[in-house]
Amino acid sequence: MGELRKIPGVGKKTEKDLIMLGYKNIESLKGEDPEKIYLKECEQKGCKVDRCQLYVYRCAVYYANEGEDRENKKWLGF
């Protein structure tokens, strides 16, 4: 299991997608724009990716920026 899989909601496929998009670890997601990550994935794949993936990216970026502060993540299901 890679480091990105430590993020709640990120499984094998999403980890693979994030790596393909240039995100190798949690630190690399800090300060990123989830919408831009999603649009970049759509562009690279040449199709509209399921919009649910955007929500996963939002959670991943939030997690990267906020660390392990689980109290503030209850609304995300962490």
PDB file of N, CA and C in Angstrom:
ATOM      1  N   MET A   1       0.836  -1.178   0.000  1.00  0.00           N
ATOM      2  CA  MET A   1       0.000   0.000   0.000  1.00  0.00           C
ATOM      3  C   MET A   1       0.881   1.240   0.000  1.00  0.00           C
ATOM      4  N   GLY A   2       0.614   2.125  -0.935  1.00  0.00           N
ATOM      5  CA  GLY A   2       1.352   3.368  -1.012  1.00  0.00           C
ATOM      6  C   GLY A   2       0.845   4.386  -0.007  1.00  0.00           C
ATOM      7  N   GLU A   3       1.587   5.453   0.142  1.00  0.00           N
ATOM      8  CA  GLU A   3       1.233   6.493   1.116  1.00  0.00           C
ATOM      9  C   GLU A   3      -0.137   7.108   0.833  1.00  0.00           C
ATOM     10  N   LEU A   4      -0.470   7.306  -0.431  1.00  0.00           N
ATOM     11  CA  LEU A   4      -1.744   7.931  -0.775  1.00  0.00           C
ATOM     12  C   LEU A   4      -2.941   7.114  -0.305  1.00  0.00           C
ATOM     13  N   ARG A   5      -2.770   5.816  -0.163  1.00  0.00           N
ATOM     14  CA  ARG A   5      -3.860   4.942   0.293  1.00  0.00           C
ATOM     15  C   ARG A   5      -4.142   5.129   1.775  1.00  0.00           C
ATOM     16  N   LYS A   6      -3.305   5.865   2.471  1.00  0.00           N
ATOM     17  CA  LYS A   6      -3.561   6.175   3.882  1.00  0.00           C
ATOM     18  C   LYS A   6      -4.681   7.204   4.009  1.00  0.00           C
ATOM     19  N   ILE A   7      -4.975   7.899   2.916  1.00  0.00           N
ATOM     20  CA  ILE A   7      -6.042   8.903   2.916  1.00  0.00           C
ATOM     21  C   ILE A   7      -7.374   8.169   2.859  1.00  0.00           C
ATOM     22  N   PRO A   8      -8.262   8.422   3.821  1.00  0.00           N
ATOM     23  CA  PRO A   8      -9.571   7.765   3.786  1.00  0.00           C
ATOM     24  C   PRO A   8     -10.288   8.045   2.460  1.00  0.00           C
ATOM     25  N   GLY A   9     -10.819   6.989   1.857  1.00  0.00           N
ATOM     26  CA  GLY A   9     -11.538   7.129   0.591  1.00  0.00           C
ATOM     27  C   GLY A   9     -10.678   6.892  -0.641  1.00  0.00           C
ATOM     28  N   VAL A  10      -9.364   6.836  -0.462  1.00  0.00           N
ATOM     29  CA  VAL A  10      -8.460   6.605  -1.592  1.00  0.00           C
ATOM     30  C   VAL A  10      -8.094   5.123  -1.633  1.00  0.00           C
ATOM     31  N   GLY A  11      -8.542   4.458  -2.683  1.00  0.00           N
ATOM     32  CA  GLY A  11      -8.238   3.044  -2.873  1.00  0.00           C
ATOM     33  C   GLY A  11      -7.165   2.869  -3.940  1.00  0.00           C
ATOM     34  N   LYS A  12      -6.993   1.632  -4.386  1.00  0.00           N
ATOM     35  CA  LYS A  12      -5.964   1.313  -5.384  1.00  0.00           C
ATOM     36  C   LYS A  12      -6.103   2.143  -6.659  1.00  0.00           C
ATOM     37  N   LYS A  13      -7.317   2.207  -7.185  1.00  0.00           N
ATOM     38  CA  LYS A  13      -7.528   2.897  -8.457  1.00  0.00           C
ATOM     39  C   LYS A  13      -7.278   4.403  -8.337  1.00  0.00           C
ATOM     40  N   THR A  14      -7.803   5.002  -7.297  1.00  0.00           N
ATOM     41  CA  THR A  14      -7.603   6.446  -7.119  1.00  0.00           C
ATOM     42  C   THR A  14      -6.129   6.746  -6.855  1.00  0.00           C
ATOM     43  N   GLU A  15      -5.475   5.892  -6.096  1.00  0.00           N
ATOM     44  CA  GLU A  15      -4.043   6.081  -5.870  1.00  0.00           C
ATOM     45  C   GLU A  15      -3.300   6.049  -7.217  1.00  0.00           C
ATOM     46  N   LYS A  16      -3.643   5.092  -8.035  1.00  0.00           N
ATOM     47  CA  LYS A  16      -3.018   4.962  -9.355  1.00  0.00           C
ATOM     48  C   LYS A  16      -3.284   6.215 -10.203  1.00  0.00           C
ATOM     49  N   ASP A  17      -4.526   6.719 -10.152  1.00  0.00           N
ATOM     50  CA  ASP A  17      -4.882   7.935 -10.890  1.00  0.00           C
ATOM     51  C   ASP A  17      -4.088   9.136 -10.391  1.00  0.00           C
ATOM     52  N   LEU A  18      -3.984   9.278  -9.074  1.00  0.00           N
ATOM     53  CA  LEU A  18      -3.243  10.407  -8.514  1.00  0.00           C
ATOM     54  C   LEU A  18      -1.767  10.356  -8.921  1.00  0.00           C
ATOM     55  N   ILE A  19      -1.190   9.180  -8.905  1.00  0.00           N
ATOM     56  CA  ILE A  19       0.209   9.032  -9.315  1.00  0.00           C
ATOM     57  C   ILE A  19       0.359   9.401 -10.791  1.00  0.00           C
ATOM     58  N   MET A  20      -0.594   8.948 -11.625  1.00  0.00           N
ATOM     59  CA  MET A  20      -0.581   9.277 -13.049  1.00  0.00           C
ATOM     60  C   MET A  20      -0.648  10.803 -13.244  1.00  0.00           C
ATOM     61  N   LEU A  21      -1.343  11.479 -12.343  1.00  0.00           N
ATOM     62  CA  LEU A  21      -1.507  12.925 -12.431  1.00  0.00           C
ATOM     63  C   LEU A  21      -0.335  13.694 -11.803  1.00  0.00           C
ATOM     64  N   GLY A  22       0.628  12.962 -11.250  1.00  0.00           N
ATOM     65  CA  GLY A  22       1.832  13.597 -10.710  1.00  0.00           C
ATOM     66  C   GLY A  22       1.875  13.753  -9.207  1.00  0.00           C
ATOM     67  N   TYR A  23       0.936  13.157  -8.509  1.00  0.00           N
ATOM     68  CA  TYR A  23       0.899  13.246  -7.041  1.00  0.00           C
ATOM     69  C   TYR A  23       1.432  11.934  -6.460  1.00  0.00           C
ATOM     70  N   LYS A  24       2.630  12.001  -5.932  1.00  0.00           N
ATOM     71  CA  LYS A  24       3.310  10.786  -5.465  1.00  0.00           C
ATOM     72  C   LYS A  24       3.096  10.498  -3.987  1.00  0.00           C
ATOM     73  N   ASN A  25       2.699  11.529  -3.218  1.00  0.00           N
ATOM     74  CA  ASN A  25       2.538  11.356  -1.779  1.00  0.00           C
ATOM     75  C   ASN A  25       1.543  12.380  -1.247  1.00  0.00           C
ATOM     76  N   ILE A  26       1.216  12.274   0.019  1.00  0.00           N
ATOM     77  CA  ILE A  26       0.245  13.166   0.636  1.00  0.00           C
ATOM     78  C   ILE A  26       0.725  14.604   0.577  1.00  0.00           C
ATOM     79  N   GLU A  27       1.973  14.824   0.848  1.00  0.00           N
ATOM     80  CA  GLU A  27       2.560  16.172   0.837  1.00  0.00           C
ATOM     81  C   GLU A  27       2.336  16.869  -0.508  1.00  0.00           C
ATOM     82  N   SER A  28       2.393  16.124  -1.599  1.00  0.00           N
ATOM     83  CA  SER A  28       2.252  16.723  -2.933  1.00  0.00           C
ATOM     84  C   SER A  28       0.841  17.249  -3.200  1.00  0.00           C
ATOM     85  N   LEU A  29      -0.131  16.858  -2.378  1.00  0.00           N
ATOM     86  CA  LEU A  29      -1.507  17.326  -2.536  1.00  0.00           C
ATOM     87  C   LEU A  29      -1.787  18.628  -1.782  1.00  0.00           C
ATOM     88  N   LYS A  30      -0.888  19.007  -0.889  1.00  0.00           N
ATOM     89  CA  LYS A  30      -1.092  20.227  -0.099  1.00  0.00           C
ATOM     90  C   LYS A  30      -1.189  21.448  -1.009  1.00  0.00           C
ATOM     91  N   GLY A  31      -2.211  22.248  -0.771  1.00  0.00           N
ATOM     92  CA  GLY A  31      -2.391  23.481  -1.512  1.00  0.00           C
ATOM     93  C   GLY A  31      -2.939  23.314  -2.924  1.00  0.00           C
ATOM     94  N   GLU A  32      -3.224  22.087  -3.314  1.00  0.00           N
ATOM     95  CA  GLU A  32      -3.733  21.839  -4.667  1.00  0.00           C
ATOM     96  C   GLU A  32      -5.225  22.156  -4.747  1.00  0.00           C
ATOM     97  N   ASP A  33      -5.710  22.336  -5.952  1.00  0.00           N
ATOM     98  CA  ASP A  33      -7.115  22.624  -6.219  1.00  0.00           C
ATOM     99  C   ASP A  33      -7.774  21.341  -6.722  1.00  0.00           C
ATOM    100  N   PRO A  34      -8.683  20.748  -5.941  1.00  0.00           N
ATOM    101  CA  PRO A  34      -9.323  19.488  -6.349  1.00  0.00           C
ATOM    102  C   PRO A  34      -9.997  19.574  -7.714  1.00  0.00           C
ATOM    103  N   GLU A  35     -10.593  20.716  -8.024  1.00  0.00           N
ATOM    104  CA  GLU A  35     -11.264  20.891  -9.323  1.00  0.00           C
ATOM    105  C   GLU A  35     -10.259  20.774 -10.466  1.00  0.00           C
ATOM    106  N   LYS A  36      -9.078  21.350 -10.284  1.00  0.00           N
ATOM    107  CA  LYS A  36      -8.034  21.273 -11.320  1.00  0.00           C
ATOM    108  C   LYS A  36      -7.511  19.851 -11.465  1.00  0.00           C
ATOM    109  N   ILE A  37      -7.408  19.143 -10.346  1.00  0.00           N
ATOM    110  CA  ILE A  37      -6.973  17.741 -10.401  1.00  0.00           C
ATOM    111  C   ILE A  37      -7.983  16.937 -11.217  1.00  0.00           C
ATOM    112  N   TYR A  38      -9.253  17.134 -10.914  1.00  0.00           N
ATOM    113  CA  TYR A  38     -10.331  16.431 -11.619  1.00  0.00           C
ATOM    114  C   TYR A  38     -10.322  16.746 -13.117  1.00  0.00           C
ATOM    115  N   LEU A  39     -10.231  18.022 -13.463  1.00  0.00           N
ATOM    116  CA  LEU A  39     -10.233  18.420 -14.875  1.00  0.00           C
ATOM    117  C   LEU A  39      -9.013  17.883 -15.614  1.00  0.00           C
ATOM    118  N   LYS A  40      -7.880  17.844 -14.930  1.00  0.00           N
ATOM    119  CA  LYS A  40      -6.654  17.291 -15.527  1.00  0.00           C
ATOM    120  C   LYS A  40      -6.844  15.803 -15.821  1.00  0.00           C
ATOM    121  N   GLU A  41      -7.495  15.093 -14.896  1.00  0.00           N
ATOM    122  CA  GLU A  41      -7.751  13.669 -15.125  1.00  0.00           C
ATOM    123  C   GLU A  41      -8.679  13.477 -16.319  1.00  0.00           C
ATOM    124  N   CYS A  42      -9.739  14.288 -16.410  1.00  0.00           N
ATOM    125  CA  CYS A  42     -10.663  14.199 -17.551  1.00  0.00           C
ATOM    126  C   CYS A  42      -9.903  14.430 -18.858  1.00  0.00           C
ATOM    127  N   GLU A  43      -9.036  15.423 -18.853  1.00  0.00           N
ATOM    128  CA  GLU A  43      -8.258  15.749 -20.054  1.00  0.00           C
ATOM    129  C   GLU A  43      -7.325  14.600 -20.431  1.00  0.00           C
ATOM    130  N   GLN A  44      -6.617  14.055 -19.454  1.00  0.00           N
ATOM    131  CA  GLN A  44      -5.676  12.969 -19.735  1.00  0.00           C
ATOM    132  C   GLN A  44      -6.384  11.716 -20.221  1.00  0.00           C
ATOM    133  N   LYS A  45      -7.556  11.445 -19.688  1.00  0.00           N
ATOM    134  CA  LYS A  45      -8.284  10.235 -20.084  1.00  0.00           C
ATOM    135  C   LYS A  45      -9.131  10.447 -21.329  1.00  0.00           C
ATOM    136  N   GLY A  46      -9.308  11.702 -21.716  1.00  0.00           N
ATOM    137  CA  GLY A  46     -10.067  12.001 -22.920  1.00  0.00           C
ATOM    138  C   GLY A  46     -11.559  11.775 -22.793  1.00  0.00           C
ATOM    139  N   CYS A  47     -12.061  11.838 -21.557  1.00  0.00           N
ATOM    140  CA  CYS A  47     -13.485  11.667 -21.322  1.00  0.00           C
ATOM    141  C   CYS A  47     -13.853  12.322 -19.999  1.00  0.00           C
ATOM    142  N   LYS A  48     -15.143  12.474 -19.788  1.00  0.00           N
ATOM    143  CA  LYS A  48     -15.600  13.027 -18.520  1.00  0.00           C
ATOM    144  C   LYS A  48     -15.599  11.913 -17.475  1.00  0.00           C
ATOM    145  N   VAL A  49     -14.757  12.065 -16.477  1.00  0.00           N
ATOM    146  CA  VAL A  49     -14.657  11.098 -15.391  1.00  0.00           C
ATOM    147  C   VAL A  49     -15.860  11.306 -14.463  1.00  0.00           C
ATOM    148  N   ASP A  50     -16.345  10.239 -13.866  1.00  0.00           N
ATOM    149  CA  ASP A  50     -17.462  10.323 -12.921  1.00  0.00           C
ATOM    150  C   ASP A  50     -17.193  11.444 -11.917  1.00  0.00           C
ATOM    151  N   ARG A  51     -18.169  12.308 -11.747  1.00  0.00           N
ATOM    152  CA  ARG A  51     -18.044  13.484 -10.878  1.00  0.00           C
ATOM    153  C   ARG A  51     -17.742  13.104  -9.425  1.00  0.00           C
ATOM    154  N   CYS A  52     -18.066  11.893  -9.041  1.00  0.00           N
ATOM    155  CA  CYS A  52     -17.758  11.437  -7.675  1.00  0.00           C
ATOM    156  C   CYS A  52     -16.263  11.495  -7.393  1.00  0.00           C
ATOM    157  N   GLN A  53     -15.461  11.347  -8.440  1.00  0.00           N
ATOM    158  CA  GLN A  53     -14.009  11.405  -8.271  1.00  0.00           C
ATOM    159  C   GLN A  53     -13.582  12.781  -7.758  1.00  0.00           C
ATOM    160  N   LEU A  54     -14.283  13.822  -8.171  1.00  0.00           N
ATOM    161  CA  LEU A  54     -13.984  15.173  -7.683  1.00  0.00           C
ATOM    162  C   LEU A  54     -14.143  15.227  -6.172  1.00  0.00           C
ATOM    163  N   TYR A  55     -15.173  14.583  -5.640  1.00  0.00           N
ATOM    164  CA  TYR A  55     -15.399  14.585  -4.199  1.00  0.00           C
ATOM    165  C   TYR A  55     -14.288  13.846  -3.461  1.00  0.00           C
ATOM    166  N   VAL A  56     -13.785  12.777  -4.061  1.00  0.00           N
ATOM    167  CA  VAL A  56     -12.656  12.059  -3.471  1.00  0.00           C
ATOM    168  C   VAL A  56     -11.438  12.982  -3.442  1.00  0.00           C
ATOM    169  N   TYR A  57     -11.209  13.723  -4.524  1.00  0.00           N
ATOM    170  CA  TYR A  57     -10.079  14.649  -4.572  1.00  0.00           C
ATOM    171  C   TYR A  57     -10.241  15.770  -3.556  1.00  0.00           C
ATOM    172  N   ARG A  58     -11.463  16.243  -3.358  1.00  0.00           N
ATOM    173  CA  ARG A  58     -11.694  17.272  -2.336  1.00  0.00           C
ATOM    174  C   ARG A  58     -11.315  16.760  -0.957  1.00  0.00           C
ATOM    175  N   CYS A  59     -11.728  15.551  -0.652  1.00  0.00           N
ATOM    176  CA  CYS A  59     -11.399  14.958   0.646  1.00  0.00           C
ATOM    177  C   CYS A  59      -9.895  14.735   0.787  1.00  0.00           C
ATOM    178  N   ALA A  60      -9.261  14.271  -0.286  1.00  0.00           N
ATOM    179  CA  ALA A  60      -7.821  13.997  -0.245  1.00  0.00           C
ATOM    180  C   ALA A  60      -7.015  15.280  -0.011  1.00  0.00           C
ATOM    181  N   VAL A  61      -7.382  16.352  -0.700  1.00  0.00           N
ATOM    182  CA  VAL A  61      -6.682  17.621  -0.528  1.00  0.00           C
ATOM    183  C   VAL A  61      -6.936  18.176   0.870  1.00  0.00           C
ATOM    184  N   TYR A  62      -8.164  18.069   1.333  1.00  0.00           N
ATOM    185  CA  TYR A  62      -8.481  18.521   2.684  1.00  0.00           C
ATOM    186  C   TYR A  62      -7.644  17.749   3.700  1.00  0.00           C
ATOM    187  N   TYR A  63      -7.579  16.450   3.529  1.00  0.00           N
ATOM    188  CA  TYR A  63      -6.790  15.598   4.427  1.00  0.00           C
ATOM    189  C   TYR A  63      -5.319  16.001   4.401  1.00  0.00           C
ATOM    190  N   ALA A  64      -4.790  16.237   3.214  1.00  0.00           N
ATOM    191  CA  ALA A  64      -3.376  16.621   3.075  1.00  0.00           C
ATOM    192  C   ALA A  64      -3.103  17.951   3.773  1.00  0.00           C
ATOM    193  N   ASN A  65      -4.033  18.876   3.666  1.00  0.00           N
ATOM    194  CA  ASN A  65      -3.846  20.201   4.265  1.00  0.00           C
ATOM    195  C   ASN A  65      -4.075  20.222   5.766  1.00  0.00           C
ATOM    196  N   GLU A  66      -4.970  19.388   6.255  1.00  0.00           N
ATOM    197  CA  GLU A  66      -5.352  19.429   7.668  1.00  0.00           C
ATOM    198  C   GLU A  66      -4.703  18.352   8.523  1.00  0.00           C
ATOM    199  N   GLY A  67      -4.035  17.393   7.913  1.00  0.00           N
ATOM    200  CA  GLY A  67      -3.357  16.343   8.675  1.00  0.00           C
ATOM    201  C   GLY A  67      -4.311  15.399   9.365  1.00  0.00           C
ATOM    202  N   GLU A  68      -3.936  14.976  10.530  1.00  0.00           N
ATOM    203  CA  GLU A  68      -4.690  13.953  11.257  1.00  0.00           C
ATOM    204  C   GLU A  68      -5.731  14.516  12.210  1.00  0.00           C
ATOM    205  N   ASP A  69      -6.109  15.766  12.089  1.00  0.00           N
ATOM    206  CA  ASP A  69      -7.092  16.386  12.973  1.00  0.00           C
ATOM    207  C   ASP A  69      -8.479  15.814  12.673  1.00  0.00           C
ATOM    208  N   ARG A  70      -8.756  14.659  13.206  1.00  0.00           N
ATOM    209  CA  ARG A  70      -9.996  13.945  12.903  1.00  0.00           C
ATOM    210  C   ARG A  70     -11.242  14.657  13.428  1.00  0.00           C
ATOM    211  N   GLU A  71     -11.128  15.437  14.476  1.00  0.00           N
ATOM    212  CA  GLU A  71     -12.294  16.119  15.035  1.00  0.00           C
ATOM    213  C   GLU A  71     -12.981  16.994  13.989  1.00  0.00           C
ATOM    214  N   ASN A  72     -12.201  17.650  13.150  1.00  0.00           N
ATOM    215  CA  ASN A  72     -12.762  18.510  12.121  1.00  0.00           C
ATOM    216  C   ASN A  72     -13.208  17.747  10.890  1.00  0.00           C
ATOM    217  N   LYS A  73     -12.985  16.463  10.839  1.00  0.00           N
ATOM    218  CA  LYS A  73     -13.306  15.682   9.650  1.00  0.00           C
ATOM    219  C   LYS A  73     -14.547  14.811   9.817  1.00  0.00           C
ATOM    220  N   LYS A  74     -15.251  14.961  10.921  1.00  0.00           N
ATOM    221  CA  LYS A  74     -16.412  14.110  11.154  1.00  0.00           C
ATOM    222  C   LYS A  74     -17.415  14.201  10.018  1.00  0.00           C
ATOM    223  N   TRP A  75     -17.575  15.383   9.438  1.00  0.00           N
ATOM    224  CA  TRP A  75     -18.522  15.564   8.337  1.00  0.00           C
ATOM    225  C   TRP A  75     -18.078  14.827   7.082  1.00  0.00           C
ATOM    226  N   LEU A  76     -16.789  14.454   6.996  1.00  0.00           N
ATOM    227  CA  LEU A  76     -16.288  13.710   5.838  1.00  0.00           C
ATOM    228  C   LEU A  76     -16.386  12.204   6.059  1.00  0.00           C
ATOM    229  N   GLY A  77     -16.736  11.797   7.268  1.00  0.00           N
ATOM    230  CA  GLY A  77     -16.820  10.370   7.561  1.00  0.00           C
ATOM    231  C   GLY A  77     -15.498   9.757   7.970  1.00  0.00           C
ATOM    232  N   PHE A  78     -14.518  10.568   8.370  1.00  0.00           N
ATOM    233  CA  PHE A  78     -13.216  10.036   8.779  1.00  0.00           C
ATOM    234  C   PHE A  78     -13.281   9.574  10.220  1.00  0.00           C
TER     235      PHE A  78
END
